[in-house]
Amino acid sequence: MRTDSVRQRTLGAMVTMGILTALAPAGAAQAAPAVTDESSGVNQNVLKIGVNTATGDRVVQAAYDELNSNHTLETPMGSNCNFYSNHWGKGCQAWCADFLKYVWKNAGVYAWENLNSEAGTAARYGKFFGTWHPGTTSGIYPGAAVTYNSSGDPTVDSDHVGVYVGVVNGTQKVVSGNFQNQVYKHNLHYGGAPYAGWTGVG
């Protein structure tokens, strides 16, 4: 198995040669629709169930850490002004992908720095690294990035992205940024939102 340093050098070479153009920025992510998840309260701890990879475990923990932090809300609400976009030096903008990038960074996901502020970023990452599973929930595991998209190619542009945290009381759950203007735990399938696929993290 290659060491992380060798992988990083290989990744750097790919960037130099232009191989990683599929991960190039494509604009800001869109906010998720304001749909109430009646079965889950805001910032409520949930039980971790079925985590089956070390990286996925770290991603789930990092998502929970943010769910229960003191910077989960937009200020003021509805403004798109948030902690996560500010962390990346951005202005007030749709921020689900900025949240995902922050979680991946804290969890130490390989090549997390290639994510950007557009919701399709996780699908592009997964397509490049061979971990993108379009149009299915089959095989999804806690820590995976979930992409939602209403039309078109989700690797080009998408509507929303969040972190799958597992099955809780028989229901698949996701922790998202920019969901009802905050970090929020909601159902994997919510309000008829089109599910585009998921990206594994190791």
N, C-alpha and C. Protein backbone atom coordinates (compact mmCIF):
# COMPACT_ATOMS: atom_id res chain seq x y z
N MET A 1 0.86 -1.21 0.00
CA MET A 1 0.00 0.00 0.00
C MET A 1 0.88 1.24 0.00
N ARG A 2 0.51 2.25 -0.79
CA ARG A 2 1.29 3.47 -0.84
C ARG A 2 1.13 4.27 0.44
N THR A 3 2.16 4.95 0.84
CA THR A 3 2.07 5.83 2.01
C THR A 3 1.33 7.09 1.63
N ASP A 4 0.85 7.82 2.68
CA ASP A 4 0.14 9.07 2.42
C ASP A 4 1.02 10.07 1.70
N SER A 5 2.33 10.11 2.05
CA SER A 5 3.22 11.08 1.40
C SER A 5 3.37 10.79 -0.08
N VAL A 6 3.45 9.50 -0.44
CA VAL A 6 3.54 9.14 -1.85
C VAL A 6 2.25 9.50 -2.56
N ARG A 7 1.12 9.25 -1.90
CA ARG A 7 -0.16 9.59 -2.50
C ARG A 7 -0.28 11.09 -2.72
N GLN A 8 0.19 11.87 -1.74
CA GLN A 8 0.12 13.32 -1.88
C GLN A 8 0.98 13.80 -3.03
N ARG A 9 2.20 13.21 -3.18
CA ARG A 9 3.06 13.61 -4.30
C ARG A 9 2.42 13.24 -5.63
N THR A 10 1.79 12.06 -5.67
CA THR A 10 1.11 11.64 -6.89
C THR A 10 -0.03 12.58 -7.22
N LEU A 11 -0.80 12.96 -6.19
CA LEU A 11 -1.89 13.90 -6.40
C LEU A 11 -1.38 15.23 -6.90
N GLY A 12 -0.27 15.69 -6.32
CA GLY A 12 0.32 16.96 -6.76
C GLY A 12 0.73 16.90 -8.22
N ALA A 13 1.29 15.78 -8.63
CA ALA A 13 1.69 15.62 -10.02
C ALA A 13 0.48 15.64 -10.94
N MET A 14 -0.62 15.02 -10.48
CA MET A 14 -1.84 15.02 -11.28
C MET A 14 -2.37 16.43 -11.47
N VAL A 15 -2.31 17.22 -10.40
CA VAL A 15 -2.76 18.61 -10.49
C VAL A 15 -1.92 19.36 -11.50
N THR A 16 -0.59 19.17 -11.44
CA THR A 16 0.33 19.85 -12.35
C THR A 16 0.03 19.50 -13.80
N MET A 17 -0.29 18.22 -14.04
CA MET A 17 -0.56 17.77 -15.40
C MET A 17 -1.99 18.06 -15.85
N GLY A 18 -2.80 18.61 -14.96
CA GLY A 18 -4.16 18.95 -15.34
C GLY A 18 -5.14 17.80 -15.26
N ILE A 19 -4.73 16.69 -14.61
CA ILE A 19 -5.61 15.53 -14.54
C ILE A 19 -6.79 15.78 -13.61
N LEU A 20 -6.61 16.65 -12.62
CA LEU A 20 -7.64 16.88 -11.62
C LEU A 20 -8.60 17.99 -12.00
N THR A 21 -8.74 18.29 -13.28
CA THR A 21 -9.65 19.37 -13.68
C THR A 21 -11.09 19.05 -13.34
N ALA A 22 -11.41 17.76 -13.17
CA ALA A 22 -12.78 17.40 -12.80
C ALA A 22 -13.16 17.93 -11.44
N LEU A 23 -12.15 18.29 -10.63
CA LEU A 23 -12.43 18.79 -9.30
C LEU A 23 -12.40 20.30 -9.24
N ALA A 24 -12.36 20.97 -10.37
CA ALA A 24 -12.27 22.43 -10.38
C ALA A 24 -13.53 23.05 -9.83
N PRO A 25 -13.44 24.25 -9.17
CA PRO A 25 -14.61 24.92 -8.62
C PRO A 25 -15.65 25.23 -9.69
N ALA A 26 -16.91 25.23 -9.26
CA ALA A 26 -17.98 25.49 -10.22
C ALA A 26 -19.07 26.37 -9.63
N GLY A 27 -18.75 27.23 -8.68
CA GLY A 27 -19.76 28.12 -8.12
C GLY A 27 -20.26 27.65 -6.78
N ALA A 28 -21.12 28.43 -6.15
CA ALA A 28 -21.57 28.14 -4.80
C ALA A 28 -22.72 27.15 -4.78
N ALA A 29 -22.80 26.38 -3.70
CA ALA A 29 -23.87 25.40 -3.54
C ALA A 29 -25.18 26.10 -3.25
N GLN A 30 -26.26 25.40 -3.55
CA GLN A 30 -27.59 25.92 -3.28
C GLN A 30 -28.06 25.45 -1.91
N ALA A 31 -28.90 26.23 -1.27
CA ALA A 31 -29.45 25.85 0.02
C ALA A 31 -30.46 24.73 -0.16
N ALA A 32 -30.54 23.83 0.82
CA ALA A 32 -31.55 22.78 0.78
C ALA A 32 -32.92 23.38 1.05
N PRO A 33 -33.97 22.77 0.48
CA PRO A 33 -35.32 23.27 0.73
C PRO A 33 -35.65 23.23 2.22
N ALA A 34 -36.45 24.15 2.69
CA ALA A 34 -36.83 24.20 4.10
C ALA A 34 -37.92 23.17 4.35
N VAL A 35 -37.51 21.94 4.64
CA VAL A 35 -38.44 20.85 4.89
C VAL A 35 -38.25 20.38 6.32
N THR A 36 -39.32 20.33 7.09
CA THR A 36 -39.22 19.94 8.48
C THR A 36 -39.08 18.43 8.60
N ASP A 37 -38.10 17.99 9.37
CA ASP A 37 -37.93 16.57 9.68
C ASP A 37 -38.59 16.33 11.03
N GLU A 38 -39.81 15.84 11.02
CA GLU A 38 -40.59 15.71 12.25
C GLU A 38 -39.98 14.71 13.23
N SER A 39 -39.16 13.80 12.72
CA SER A 39 -38.65 12.74 13.58
C SER A 39 -37.31 13.08 14.22
N SER A 40 -36.80 14.28 13.97
CA SER A 40 -35.50 14.62 14.55
C SER A 40 -35.46 16.09 14.94
N GLY A 41 -35.02 16.36 16.14
CA GLY A 41 -34.93 17.73 16.62
C GLY A 41 -33.66 18.40 16.15
N VAL A 42 -33.65 19.70 16.21
CA VAL A 42 -32.47 20.47 15.85
C VAL A 42 -31.35 20.16 16.84
N ASN A 43 -30.15 19.90 16.29
CA ASN A 43 -28.95 19.69 17.11
C ASN A 43 -29.12 18.61 18.17
N GLN A 44 -29.80 17.57 17.80
CA GLN A 44 -30.02 16.46 18.71
C GLN A 44 -28.97 15.38 18.45
N ASN A 45 -28.34 14.89 19.52
CA ASN A 45 -27.38 13.80 19.36
C ASN A 45 -28.09 12.56 18.84
N VAL A 46 -27.41 11.81 17.98
CA VAL A 46 -27.97 10.56 17.50
C VAL A 46 -26.94 9.45 17.71
N LEU A 47 -27.42 8.24 17.80
CA LEU A 47 -26.57 7.10 18.04
C LEU A 47 -25.85 6.69 16.78
N LYS A 48 -24.55 6.46 16.87
CA LYS A 48 -23.79 5.98 15.72
C LYS A 48 -24.02 4.48 15.56
N ILE A 49 -24.51 4.09 14.41
CA ILE A 49 -24.81 2.68 14.15
C ILE A 49 -24.20 2.27 12.83
N GLY A 50 -23.47 1.16 12.80
CA GLY A 50 -23.04 0.57 11.56
C GLY A 50 -21.85 1.24 10.89
N VAL A 51 -21.08 2.04 11.61
CA VAL A 51 -19.89 2.62 11.01
C VAL A 51 -18.92 1.50 10.67
N ASN A 52 -18.52 1.40 9.41
CA ASN A 52 -17.72 0.25 9.02
C ASN A 52 -16.40 0.60 8.36
N THR A 53 -15.99 1.87 8.41
CA THR A 53 -14.65 2.23 7.99
C THR A 53 -14.09 3.22 8.99
N ALA A 54 -12.77 3.21 9.15
CA ALA A 54 -12.13 4.13 10.10
C ALA A 54 -12.35 5.57 9.68
N THR A 55 -12.21 5.84 8.38
CA THR A 55 -12.42 7.21 7.89
C THR A 55 -13.87 7.62 8.07
N GLY A 56 -14.80 6.74 7.73
CA GLY A 56 -16.21 7.04 7.91
C GLY A 56 -16.54 7.34 9.35
N ASP A 57 -15.94 6.60 10.28
CA ASP A 57 -16.15 6.83 11.70
C ASP A 57 -15.71 8.24 12.09
N ARG A 58 -14.55 8.67 11.57
CA ARG A 58 -14.06 10.01 11.89
C ARG A 58 -14.96 11.09 11.29
N VAL A 59 -15.46 10.85 10.08
CA VAL A 59 -16.36 11.82 9.44
C VAL A 59 -17.65 11.96 10.25
N VAL A 60 -18.23 10.85 10.67
CA VAL A 60 -19.44 10.89 11.48
C VAL A 60 -19.20 11.67 12.77
N GLN A 61 -18.09 11.38 13.44
CA GLN A 61 -17.80 12.09 14.69
C GLN A 61 -17.63 13.59 14.44
N ALA A 62 -16.94 13.94 13.36
CA ALA A 62 -16.74 15.36 13.04
C ALA A 62 -18.07 16.05 12.74
N ALA A 63 -18.98 15.34 12.06
CA ALA A 63 -20.30 15.91 11.76
C ALA A 63 -21.09 16.12 13.05
N TYR A 64 -21.04 15.15 13.96
CA TYR A 64 -21.72 15.31 15.25
C TYR A 64 -21.13 16.47 16.04
N ASP A 65 -19.81 16.61 15.98
CA ASP A 65 -19.17 17.71 16.70
C ASP A 65 -19.73 19.05 16.25
N GLU A 66 -19.94 19.19 14.94
CA GLU A 66 -20.49 20.44 14.42
C GLU A 66 -21.98 20.57 14.74
N LEU A 67 -22.71 19.48 14.68
CA LEU A 67 -24.13 19.49 14.99
C LEU A 67 -24.39 20.03 16.39
N ASN A 68 -23.46 19.78 17.29
CA ASN A 68 -23.61 20.18 18.69
C ASN A 68 -22.67 21.31 19.08
N SER A 69 -22.18 22.04 18.11
CA SER A 69 -21.30 23.18 18.39
C SER A 69 -22.13 24.44 18.63
N ASN A 70 -21.44 25.56 18.87
CA ASN A 70 -22.14 26.82 19.11
C ASN A 70 -22.14 27.72 17.88
N HIS A 71 -21.85 27.14 16.69
CA HIS A 71 -21.85 27.95 15.47
C HIS A 71 -22.64 27.27 14.35
N THR A 72 -23.79 26.74 14.70
CA THR A 72 -24.60 26.00 13.73
C THR A 72 -25.56 26.87 12.94
N LEU A 73 -25.83 28.08 13.39
CA LEU A 73 -26.87 28.91 12.78
C LEU A 73 -26.29 30.02 11.92
N GLU A 74 -27.04 30.40 10.88
CA GLU A 74 -26.70 31.60 10.13
C GLU A 74 -26.93 32.83 11.02
N THR A 75 -26.13 33.87 10.81
CA THR A 75 -26.27 35.10 11.59
C THR A 75 -26.28 36.30 10.66
N PRO A 76 -27.44 36.96 10.51
CA PRO A 76 -28.76 36.56 11.02
C PRO A 76 -29.35 35.41 10.20
N MET A 77 -30.35 34.76 10.74
CA MET A 77 -30.97 33.64 10.05
C MET A 77 -31.51 34.08 8.69
N GLY A 78 -31.27 33.26 7.68
CA GLY A 78 -31.74 33.55 6.34
C GLY A 78 -30.80 34.40 5.51
N SER A 79 -29.63 34.74 6.08
CA SER A 79 -28.69 35.64 5.40
C SER A 79 -27.63 34.91 4.60
N ASN A 80 -27.47 33.59 4.83
CA ASN A 80 -26.37 32.80 4.27
C ASN A 80 -25.02 33.17 4.88
N CYS A 81 -25.00 34.03 5.89
CA CYS A 81 -23.75 34.36 6.59
C CYS A 81 -23.52 33.30 7.66
N ASN A 82 -22.41 32.58 7.56
CA ASN A 82 -22.22 31.40 8.40
C ASN A 82 -20.76 31.18 8.74
N PHE A 83 -20.52 30.36 9.75
CA PHE A 83 -19.17 30.08 10.23
C PHE A 83 -18.32 29.38 9.17
N TYR A 84 -18.89 28.45 8.44
CA TYR A 84 -18.11 27.57 7.56
C TYR A 84 -17.59 28.29 6.33
N SER A 85 -18.43 29.06 5.66
CA SER A 85 -17.95 29.84 4.52
C SER A 85 -16.92 30.85 4.97
N ASN A 86 -17.15 31.47 6.13
CA ASN A 86 -16.19 32.43 6.67
C ASN A 86 -14.85 31.75 6.94
N HIS A 87 -14.88 30.52 7.42
CA HIS A 87 -13.65 29.77 7.69
C HIS A 87 -12.80 29.63 6.43
N TRP A 88 -13.47 29.45 5.29
CA TRP A 88 -12.75 29.28 4.02
C TRP A 88 -12.51 30.60 3.31
N GLY A 89 -12.75 31.72 4.00
CA GLY A 89 -12.48 33.03 3.41
C GLY A 89 -13.52 33.46 2.40
N LYS A 90 -14.71 32.88 2.49
CA LYS A 90 -15.80 33.23 1.57
C LYS A 90 -16.74 34.23 2.24
N GLY A 91 -17.60 34.82 1.43
CA GLY A 91 -18.62 35.72 1.95
C GLY A 91 -19.86 34.95 2.36
N CYS A 92 -20.97 35.66 2.43
CA CYS A 92 -22.25 35.04 2.76
C CYS A 92 -22.77 34.32 1.52
N GLN A 93 -22.83 33.02 1.57
CA GLN A 93 -23.22 32.23 0.40
C GLN A 93 -23.84 30.92 0.86
N ALA A 94 -24.51 30.23 -0.07
CA ALA A 94 -25.02 28.89 0.22
C ALA A 94 -23.84 28.02 0.64
N TRP A 95 -24.02 27.22 1.70
CA TRP A 95 -22.83 26.71 2.39
C TRP A 95 -22.82 25.23 2.74
N CYS A 96 -23.69 24.43 2.13
CA CYS A 96 -23.67 23.00 2.46
C CYS A 96 -22.33 22.36 2.12
N ALA A 97 -21.73 22.74 0.99
CA ALA A 97 -20.44 22.16 0.60
C ALA A 97 -19.31 22.71 1.46
N ASP A 98 -19.41 23.96 1.91
CA ASP A 98 -18.40 24.50 2.83
C ASP A 98 -18.42 23.73 4.14
N PHE A 99 -19.61 23.35 4.60
CA PHE A 99 -19.75 22.53 5.80
C PHE A 99 -19.10 21.16 5.59
N LEU A 100 -19.40 20.52 4.46
CA LEU A 100 -18.82 19.21 4.17
C LEU A 100 -17.31 19.28 4.14
N LYS A 101 -16.76 20.29 3.50
CA LYS A 101 -15.31 20.43 3.42
C LYS A 101 -14.69 20.58 4.80
N TYR A 102 -15.34 21.34 5.67
CA TYR A 102 -14.85 21.53 7.03
C TYR A 102 -14.86 20.21 7.79
N VAL A 103 -15.93 19.44 7.65
CA VAL A 103 -16.03 18.14 8.31
C VAL A 103 -14.96 17.19 7.78
N TRP A 104 -14.80 17.13 6.47
CA TRP A 104 -13.78 16.25 5.88
C TRP A 104 -12.38 16.64 6.34
N LYS A 105 -12.11 17.93 6.40
CA LYS A 105 -10.80 18.38 6.86
C LYS A 105 -10.55 17.90 8.29
N ASN A 106 -11.52 18.11 9.17
CA ASN A 106 -11.35 17.71 10.56
C ASN A 106 -11.25 16.20 10.73
N ALA A 107 -11.85 15.46 9.81
CA ALA A 107 -11.81 14.00 9.86
C ALA A 107 -10.58 13.42 9.17
N GLY A 108 -9.83 14.26 8.47
CA GLY A 108 -8.63 13.79 7.78
C GLY A 108 -8.91 12.98 6.54
N VAL A 109 -9.99 13.29 5.83
CA VAL A 109 -10.30 12.57 4.59
C VAL A 109 -9.23 12.89 3.54
N TYR A 110 -8.76 11.87 2.84
CA TYR A 110 -7.72 12.05 1.83
C TYR A 110 -8.15 13.05 0.76
N ALA A 111 -7.29 14.00 0.47
CA ALA A 111 -7.49 15.01 -0.59
C ALA A 111 -8.72 15.88 -0.34
N TRP A 112 -9.06 16.09 0.93
CA TRP A 112 -10.21 16.95 1.26
C TRP A 112 -10.07 18.35 0.67
N GLU A 113 -8.84 18.82 0.50
CA GLU A 113 -8.61 20.18 0.03
C GLU A 113 -9.09 20.40 -1.40
N ASN A 114 -9.41 19.33 -2.11
CA ASN A 114 -9.91 19.47 -3.48
C ASN A 114 -11.40 19.78 -3.54
N LEU A 115 -12.10 19.74 -2.41
CA LEU A 115 -13.50 20.14 -2.40
C LEU A 115 -13.61 21.65 -2.54
N ASN A 116 -14.76 22.11 -3.07
CA ASN A 116 -15.01 23.55 -3.18
C ASN A 116 -16.40 23.86 -2.65
N SER A 117 -16.91 25.04 -2.98
CA SER A 117 -18.16 25.51 -2.39
C SER A 117 -19.42 25.11 -3.15
N GLU A 118 -19.30 24.27 -4.16
CA GLU A 118 -20.46 23.86 -4.96
C GLU A 118 -20.89 22.46 -4.55
N ALA A 119 -22.19 22.24 -4.46
CA ALA A 119 -22.71 20.98 -3.93
C ALA A 119 -22.32 19.76 -4.75
N GLY A 120 -21.96 19.93 -6.01
CA GLY A 120 -21.52 18.81 -6.83
C GLY A 120 -20.10 18.37 -6.56
N THR A 121 -19.42 19.06 -5.65
CA THR A 121 -18.00 18.80 -5.42
C THR A 121 -17.73 17.38 -4.92
N ALA A 122 -18.61 16.84 -4.07
CA ALA A 122 -18.40 15.48 -3.56
C ALA A 122 -18.59 14.45 -4.66
N ALA A 123 -19.56 14.68 -5.55
CA ALA A 123 -19.77 13.77 -6.67
C ALA A 123 -18.56 13.77 -7.60
N ARG A 124 -18.00 14.96 -7.86
CA ARG A 124 -16.80 15.04 -8.71
C ARG A 124 -15.62 14.32 -8.05
N TYR A 125 -15.45 14.55 -6.76
CA TYR A 125 -14.40 13.87 -6.00
C TYR A 125 -14.57 12.35 -6.13
N GLY A 126 -15.79 11.88 -5.89
CA GLY A 126 -16.04 10.45 -5.95
C GLY A 126 -15.85 9.87 -7.34
N LYS A 127 -16.25 10.62 -8.36
CA LYS A 127 -16.08 10.14 -9.73
C LYS A 127 -14.60 10.00 -10.06
N PHE A 128 -13.79 10.97 -9.62
CA PHE A 128 -12.37 10.91 -9.92
C PHE A 128 -11.68 9.77 -9.18
N PHE A 129 -12.01 9.60 -7.89
CA PHE A 129 -11.33 8.59 -7.08
C PHE A 129 -12.03 7.23 -7.10
N GLY A 130 -13.11 7.11 -7.88
CA GLY A 130 -13.77 5.81 -8.03
C GLY A 130 -14.67 5.43 -6.87
N THR A 131 -15.17 6.42 -6.11
CA THR A 131 -16.04 6.12 -4.97
C THR A 131 -17.43 6.72 -5.13
N TRP A 132 -17.80 7.16 -6.34
CA TRP A 132 -19.11 7.74 -6.61
C TRP A 132 -20.09 6.64 -7.00
N HIS A 133 -21.26 6.63 -6.34
CA HIS A 133 -22.29 5.63 -6.57
C HIS A 133 -23.57 6.36 -6.99
N PRO A 134 -23.79 6.57 -8.28
CA PRO A 134 -24.92 7.38 -8.74
C PRO A 134 -26.26 6.68 -8.62
N GLY A 135 -27.28 7.43 -8.20
CA GLY A 135 -28.66 6.98 -8.26
C GLY A 135 -29.03 5.82 -7.37
N THR A 136 -28.27 5.57 -6.30
CA THR A 136 -28.57 4.43 -5.44
C THR A 136 -28.16 4.73 -4.00
N THR A 137 -28.83 4.05 -3.07
CA THR A 137 -28.38 4.06 -1.67
C THR A 137 -27.75 2.72 -1.31
N SER A 138 -27.73 1.80 -2.24
CA SER A 138 -27.17 0.48 -1.99
C SER A 138 -25.71 0.58 -1.57
N GLY A 139 -25.38 -0.04 -0.46
CA GLY A 139 -24.01 -0.06 0.02
C GLY A 139 -23.57 1.17 0.78
N ILE A 140 -24.44 2.16 0.92
CA ILE A 140 -24.04 3.39 1.60
C ILE A 140 -23.66 3.10 3.05
N TYR A 141 -22.64 3.77 3.54
CA TYR A 141 -22.20 3.56 4.92
C TYR A 141 -21.98 4.90 5.61
N PRO A 142 -22.04 4.91 6.94
CA PRO A 142 -21.88 6.16 7.68
C PRO A 142 -20.56 6.85 7.35
N GLY A 143 -20.65 8.15 7.13
CA GLY A 143 -19.50 8.96 6.75
C GLY A 143 -19.51 9.33 5.28
N ALA A 144 -20.31 8.62 4.48
CA ALA A 144 -20.40 8.93 3.05
C ALA A 144 -21.03 10.29 2.83
N ALA A 145 -20.65 10.94 1.73
CA ALA A 145 -21.26 12.22 1.35
C ALA A 145 -22.45 11.94 0.43
N VAL A 146 -23.59 12.51 0.76
CA VAL A 146 -24.83 12.30 0.01
C VAL A 146 -25.11 13.53 -0.84
N THR A 147 -25.33 13.32 -2.14
CA THR A 147 -25.59 14.43 -3.06
C THR A 147 -27.04 14.38 -3.55
N TYR A 148 -27.68 15.54 -3.57
CA TYR A 148 -29.05 15.69 -4.07
C TYR A 148 -29.02 16.60 -5.29
N ASN A 149 -29.81 16.25 -6.31
CA ASN A 149 -29.83 17.06 -7.52
C ASN A 149 -31.16 16.90 -8.25
N SER A 150 -31.77 18.00 -8.65
CA SER A 150 -33.08 17.96 -9.28
C SER A 150 -33.01 17.71 -10.79
N SER A 151 -31.92 18.13 -11.43
CA SER A 151 -31.81 17.94 -12.88
C SER A 151 -30.35 18.07 -13.31
N GLY A 152 -30.03 17.45 -14.45
CA GLY A 152 -28.69 17.55 -14.99
C GLY A 152 -27.69 16.62 -14.33
N ASP A 153 -26.44 16.80 -14.68
CA ASP A 153 -25.35 15.97 -14.19
C ASP A 153 -24.94 16.43 -12.80
N PRO A 154 -25.08 15.59 -11.76
CA PRO A 154 -24.74 16.02 -10.40
C PRO A 154 -23.26 16.31 -10.20
N THR A 155 -22.41 15.81 -11.10
CA THR A 155 -20.98 16.12 -10.97
C THR A 155 -20.65 17.49 -11.54
N VAL A 156 -21.59 18.08 -12.27
CA VAL A 156 -21.41 19.42 -12.82
C VAL A 156 -22.00 20.46 -11.88
N ASP A 157 -23.23 20.22 -11.45
CA ASP A 157 -23.90 21.14 -10.54
C ASP A 157 -24.96 20.36 -9.78
N SER A 158 -25.10 20.62 -8.49
CA SER A 158 -26.08 19.91 -7.67
C SER A 158 -26.79 20.87 -6.75
N ASP A 159 -27.84 20.36 -6.09
CA ASP A 159 -28.66 21.19 -5.22
C ASP A 159 -28.19 21.19 -3.77
N HIS A 160 -27.69 20.04 -3.30
CA HIS A 160 -27.36 19.95 -1.88
C HIS A 160 -26.44 18.76 -1.65
N VAL A 161 -25.65 18.83 -0.57
CA VAL A 161 -24.79 17.72 -0.17
C VAL A 161 -24.72 17.69 1.36
N GLY A 162 -24.67 16.48 1.92
CA GLY A 162 -24.61 16.32 3.37
C GLY A 162 -23.84 15.07 3.74
N VAL A 163 -23.77 14.78 5.04
CA VAL A 163 -23.02 13.63 5.56
C VAL A 163 -23.99 12.57 6.08
N TYR A 164 -23.93 11.38 5.50
CA TYR A 164 -24.75 10.27 5.98
C TYR A 164 -24.18 9.76 7.29
N VAL A 165 -25.03 9.69 8.34
CA VAL A 165 -24.54 9.30 9.66
C VAL A 165 -25.07 7.96 10.13
N GLY A 166 -25.87 7.28 9.33
CA GLY A 166 -26.30 5.94 9.68
C GLY A 166 -27.80 5.82 9.92
N VAL A 167 -28.20 4.64 10.38
CA VAL A 167 -29.61 4.34 10.65
C VAL A 167 -29.91 4.60 12.11
N VAL A 168 -30.89 5.43 12.38
CA VAL A 168 -31.28 5.79 13.74
C VAL A 168 -32.76 5.50 13.92
N ASN A 169 -33.08 4.60 14.84
CA ASN A 169 -34.47 4.20 15.07
C ASN A 169 -35.15 3.77 13.77
N GLY A 170 -34.41 3.04 12.95
CA GLY A 170 -34.95 2.49 11.72
C GLY A 170 -34.98 3.44 10.54
N THR A 171 -34.45 4.65 10.71
CA THR A 171 -34.48 5.65 9.63
C THR A 171 -33.08 6.11 9.30
N GLN A 172 -32.75 6.17 8.01
CA GLN A 172 -31.45 6.65 7.56
C GLN A 172 -31.38 8.17 7.75
N LYS A 173 -30.27 8.64 8.35
CA LYS A 173 -30.15 10.04 8.71
C LYS A 173 -28.92 10.69 8.07
N VAL A 174 -29.03 12.00 7.85
CA VAL A 174 -27.97 12.82 7.27
C VAL A 174 -27.80 14.07 8.12
N VAL A 175 -26.55 14.49 8.33
CA VAL A 175 -26.27 15.78 8.96
C VAL A 175 -25.79 16.72 7.85
N SER A 176 -26.47 17.85 7.70
CA SER A 176 -26.18 18.80 6.63
C SER A 176 -25.94 20.19 7.18
N GLY A 177 -25.11 20.93 6.48
CA GLY A 177 -25.04 22.36 6.67
C GLY A 177 -26.02 23.03 5.72
N ASN A 178 -26.44 24.24 6.05
CA ASN A 178 -27.35 25.02 5.20
C ASN A 178 -28.67 24.29 4.95
N PHE A 179 -29.15 23.58 5.94
CA PHE A 179 -30.47 22.95 5.88
C PHE A 179 -31.35 23.73 6.84
N GLN A 180 -32.35 24.44 6.32
CA GLN A 180 -33.15 25.35 7.12
C GLN A 180 -32.26 26.38 7.82
N ASN A 181 -31.25 26.85 7.10
CA ASN A 181 -30.35 27.92 7.56
C ASN A 181 -29.49 27.53 8.76
N GLN A 182 -29.19 26.25 8.89
CA GLN A 182 -28.42 25.79 10.04
C GLN A 182 -27.82 24.41 9.76
N VAL A 183 -27.00 23.92 10.71
CA VAL A 183 -26.56 22.53 10.69
C VAL A 183 -27.71 21.72 11.28
N TYR A 184 -28.14 20.69 10.57
CA TYR A 184 -29.38 20.01 10.93
C TYR A 184 -29.29 18.53 10.61
N LYS A 185 -29.93 17.70 11.44
CA LYS A 185 -30.04 16.27 11.18
C LYS A 185 -31.40 15.99 10.56
N HIS A 186 -31.42 15.35 9.39
CA HIS A 186 -32.67 15.11 8.68
C HIS A 186 -32.67 13.72 8.07
N ASN A 187 -33.80 13.30 7.57
CA ASN A 187 -33.91 12.00 6.91
C ASN A 187 -33.12 12.00 5.60
N LEU A 188 -32.56 10.83 5.26
CA LEU A 188 -31.85 10.70 3.99
C LEU A 188 -32.76 11.07 2.83
N HIS A 189 -33.97 10.59 2.86
CA HIS A 189 -34.97 10.94 1.84
C HIS A 189 -35.94 11.92 2.49
N TYR A 190 -35.96 13.14 2.01
CA TYR A 190 -36.80 14.17 2.65
C TYR A 190 -37.56 14.98 1.60
N GLY A 191 -38.82 15.21 1.85
CA GLY A 191 -39.63 16.11 1.06
C GLY A 191 -39.59 15.90 -0.44
N GLY A 192 -39.32 14.69 -0.90
CA GLY A 192 -39.27 14.43 -2.32
C GLY A 192 -38.01 14.94 -3.00
N ALA A 193 -37.01 15.35 -2.21
CA ALA A 193 -35.76 15.85 -2.79
C ALA A 193 -35.09 14.75 -3.61
N PRO A 194 -34.73 15.03 -4.87
CA PRO A 194 -34.11 14.02 -5.73
C PRO A 194 -32.74 13.60 -5.21
N TYR A 195 -32.58 12.31 -5.00
CA TYR A 195 -31.34 11.74 -4.49
C TYR A 195 -30.45 11.38 -5.68
N ALA A 196 -29.26 11.98 -5.75
CA ALA A 196 -28.39 11.76 -6.92
C ALA A 196 -27.39 10.63 -6.73
N GLY A 197 -26.94 10.41 -5.49
CA GLY A 197 -25.96 9.36 -5.25
C GLY A 197 -25.12 9.66 -4.03
N TRP A 198 -24.11 8.81 -3.80
CA TRP A 198 -23.25 9.00 -2.64
C TRP A 198 -21.80 8.75 -2.98
N THR A 199 -20.93 9.38 -2.19
CA THR A 199 -19.48 9.27 -2.37
C THR A 199 -18.86 8.66 -1.13
N GLY A 200 -18.15 7.54 -1.30
CA GLY A 200 -17.47 6.90 -0.18
C GLY A 200 -16.19 7.63 0.20
N VAL A 201 -15.79 7.44 1.46
CA VAL A 201 -14.61 8.14 1.97
C VAL A 201 -13.53 7.18 2.47
N GLY A 202 -13.60 5.91 2.14
CA GLY A 202 -12.55 4.98 2.53
C GLY A 202 -13.07 3.87 3.41
